[in-house]
Amino acid sequence: MCPVNRDNEITRHLNLVTRNTDAEISTDLSHVLVVGKSPINRVVVSKIVELCGLRPISESPETAARALRSLIPGAVVLDGGPDNKDCDSLISGIDALRRASGKSRPPVILLSTKNGTPESLGLSSIVDAVVAKPITPERLQPVIDRLIGLRRNQAVD
């Protein structure tokens, strides 16, 4: 690689690093990050998010980290898959956002094949609510409304 190309790569990398600073991360309570391996489940959840009057951002677990670096959503909905582990790669990034905010922001909802509380299922402490599958508006919408409502009240305080 010639030195000219190397300099361009370094400049490009520095621009990416600079762009992802905390000062440029925006918080938007009207967006909900929907993460899951199944595109069908992401579409179903996104439609339910829209019923709540919010805007979904649908991502696979592999691309969701990039979305979290540019936007702090009002909530995150993780589809845990058959073993609740499909989105484990995002847990540390979400935890870092929550520690940086000093509060439980953004709230996290896990869609699970098992019923119970985050504690009873042995889940990460960043999971605020568990919604058992199958995913229906009757199950998911009240949880989103409650967590986003709590979040909006915290933002006002």
Protein backbone atom coordinates (compact mmCIF):
# COMPACT_ATOMS: atom_id res chain seq x y z
CA MET A 1 0.00 0.00 0.00
CA CYS A 2 1.46 3.34 -0.93
CA PRO A 3 1.78 6.05 1.76
CA VAL A 4 -0.85 8.23 0.09
CA ASN A 5 -3.50 5.52 0.47
CA ARG A 6 -2.44 4.86 4.05
CA ASP A 7 -2.93 8.53 4.95
CA ASN A 8 -6.41 8.49 3.43
CA GLU A 9 -7.32 5.41 5.47
CA ILE A 10 -6.09 7.02 8.69
CA THR A 11 -8.03 10.20 7.92
CA ARG A 12 -11.16 8.17 7.18
CA HIS A 13 -10.76 6.27 10.47
CA LEU A 14 -10.23 9.48 12.48
CA ASN A 15 -13.35 10.98 10.90
CA LEU A 16 -15.37 7.92 11.91
CA VAL A 17 -14.05 8.04 15.47
CA THR A 18 -14.70 11.77 15.75
CA ARG A 19 -18.21 11.38 14.38
CA ASN A 20 -19.11 8.82 17.05
CA THR A 21 -18.37 11.03 20.04
CA ASP A 22 -20.95 11.40 22.81
CA ALA A 23 -21.54 15.03 21.86
CA GLU A 24 -22.99 13.96 18.53
CA ILE A 25 -25.18 11.10 19.72
CA SER A 26 -28.76 12.28 19.66
CA THR A 27 -31.54 11.06 21.90
CA ASP A 28 -34.93 10.62 20.31
CA LEU A 29 -37.73 9.33 22.53
CA SER A 30 -39.95 8.75 19.51
CA HIS A 31 -37.68 6.04 18.05
CA VAL A 32 -37.65 2.41 19.16
CA LEU A 33 -34.79 0.16 18.11
CA VAL A 34 -36.19 -3.26 17.14
CA VAL A 35 -33.50 -5.96 17.02
CA GLY A 36 -33.83 -9.57 15.99
CA LYS A 37 -32.52 -12.23 13.64
CA SER A 38 -35.95 -12.92 12.15
CA PRO A 39 -37.01 -10.27 9.63
CA ILE A 40 -40.63 -11.40 10.04
CA ASN A 41 -40.56 -10.85 13.81
CA ARG A 42 -38.92 -7.44 13.28
CA VAL A 43 -41.76 -6.43 10.92
CA VAL A 44 -44.42 -7.61 13.41
CA VAL A 45 -42.78 -5.73 16.28
CA SER A 46 -42.26 -2.63 14.12
CA LYS A 47 -45.98 -2.54 13.30
CA ILE A 48 -46.81 -2.76 17.01
CA VAL A 49 -44.34 0.07 17.72
CA GLU A 50 -46.11 2.16 15.08
CA LEU A 51 -49.46 1.45 16.82
CA CYS A 52 -47.91 3.11 19.88
CA GLY A 53 -47.32 6.26 17.81
CA LEU A 54 -43.55 5.69 17.72
CA ARG A 55 -41.04 5.19 14.90
CA PRO A 56 -39.31 1.81 14.69
CA ILE A 57 -35.73 1.31 13.58
CA SER A 58 -35.45 -2.33 12.52
CA GLU A 59 -31.98 -3.91 12.66
CA SER A 60 -30.39 -7.33 12.79
CA PRO A 61 -28.15 -8.04 15.81
CA GLU A 62 -25.12 -7.59 13.54
CA THR A 63 -26.06 -4.06 12.43
CA ALA A 64 -27.79 -2.76 15.56
CA ALA A 65 -24.57 -1.69 17.28
CA ARG A 66 -23.99 0.85 14.52
CA ALA A 67 -27.48 2.28 15.07
CA LEU A 68 -26.83 2.59 18.82
CA ARG A 69 -23.65 4.58 18.15
CA SER A 70 -25.62 7.27 16.32
CA LEU A 71 -28.94 7.40 18.19
CA ILE A 72 -30.13 6.72 21.71
CA PRO A 73 -33.67 5.47 21.13
CA GLY A 74 -36.64 5.86 23.43
CA ALA A 75 -36.58 2.08 23.95
CA VAL A 76 -34.96 -1.08 22.64
CA VAL A 77 -36.90 -4.26 21.82
CA LEU A 78 -34.69 -7.35 21.59
CA ASP A 79 -35.95 -10.61 20.10
CA GLY A 80 -34.06 -13.16 22.17
CA GLY A 81 -34.69 -16.05 19.80
CA PRO A 82 -35.21 -19.61 21.03
CA ASP A 83 -32.62 -19.37 23.82
CA ASN A 84 -32.80 -15.63 24.70
CA LYS A 85 -29.22 -15.20 23.44
CA ASP A 86 -29.68 -13.85 19.88
CA CYS A 87 -28.94 -10.26 20.93
CA ASP A 88 -26.32 -10.85 23.63
CA SER A 89 -23.69 -9.03 21.55
CA LEU A 90 -25.59 -5.75 22.15
CA ILE A 91 -25.88 -6.04 25.92
CA SER A 92 -22.53 -4.38 26.69
CA GLY A 93 -23.25 -1.46 24.31
CA ILE A 94 -26.69 -0.86 25.80
CA ASP A 95 -25.24 -1.14 29.31
CA ALA A 96 -22.63 1.50 28.44
CA LEU A 97 -25.36 3.86 27.19
CA ARG A 98 -27.32 3.35 30.37
CA ARG A 99 -24.28 3.98 32.58
CA ALA A 100 -23.45 7.12 30.60
CA SER A 101 -26.99 8.47 31.01
CA GLY A 102 -26.93 7.83 34.76
CA LYS A 103 -30.42 6.35 34.50
CA SER A 104 -32.09 3.34 32.94
CA ARG A 105 -32.05 4.82 29.45
CA PRO A 106 -32.97 3.37 27.05
CA PRO A 107 -35.39 0.87 28.57
CA VAL A 108 -35.00 -2.67 27.19
CA ILE A 109 -37.77 -5.16 26.39
CA LEU A 110 -36.87 -8.78 25.66
CA LEU A 111 -39.16 -10.94 23.55
CA SER A 112 -38.77 -14.44 24.94
CA THR A 113 -40.06 -17.95 24.41
CA LYS A 114 -40.24 -18.21 28.21
CA ASN A 115 -42.58 -16.43 30.57
CA GLY A 116 -41.35 -14.67 33.69
CA THR A 117 -39.47 -11.67 35.00
CA PRO A 118 -35.92 -10.77 33.96
CA GLU A 119 -34.70 -11.98 37.35
CA SER A 120 -36.56 -15.29 37.28
CA LEU A 121 -35.22 -16.04 33.79
CA GLY A 122 -31.64 -15.21 34.82
CA LEU A 123 -31.32 -12.38 32.31
CA SER A 124 -29.00 -9.42 32.26
CA SER A 125 -29.83 -6.59 34.63
CA ILE A 126 -30.37 -4.24 31.70
CA VAL A 127 -33.57 -6.03 30.66
CA ASP A 128 -36.49 -4.03 32.08
CA ALA A 129 -39.36 -6.21 30.87
CA VAL A 130 -39.97 -9.61 29.30
CA VAL A 131 -42.81 -10.22 26.86
CA ALA A 132 -43.57 -13.87 26.11
CA LYS A 133 -44.06 -14.99 22.54
CA PRO A 134 -46.18 -15.15 20.44
CA ILE A 135 -45.82 -11.45 19.81
CA THR A 136 -49.19 -9.72 19.81
CA PRO A 137 -50.25 -6.08 20.16
CA GLU A 138 -52.18 -7.01 23.32
CA ARG A 139 -48.98 -8.22 25.00
CA LEU A 140 -46.35 -5.83 23.67
CA GLN A 141 -48.11 -2.49 23.24
CA PRO A 142 -48.91 -1.89 26.96
CA VAL A 143 -45.29 -2.66 27.90
CA ILE A 144 -43.93 -0.21 25.33
CA ASP A 145 -46.44 2.44 26.40
CA ARG A 146 -45.51 1.97 30.07
CA LEU A 147 -41.74 2.08 29.56
CA ILE A 148 -41.81 4.99 27.10
CA GLY A 149 -44.22 6.83 29.42
CA LEU A 150 -41.84 6.33 32.33
CA ARG A 151 -38.97 7.51 30.15
CA ARG A 152 -40.82 10.67 29.10
CA ASN A 153 -41.57 11.44 32.75
CA GLN A 154 -37.87 11.01 33.62
CA ALA A 155 -36.88 13.34 30.79
CA VAL A 156 -39.16 16.06 32.16
CA ASP A 157 -37.79 15.74 35.71
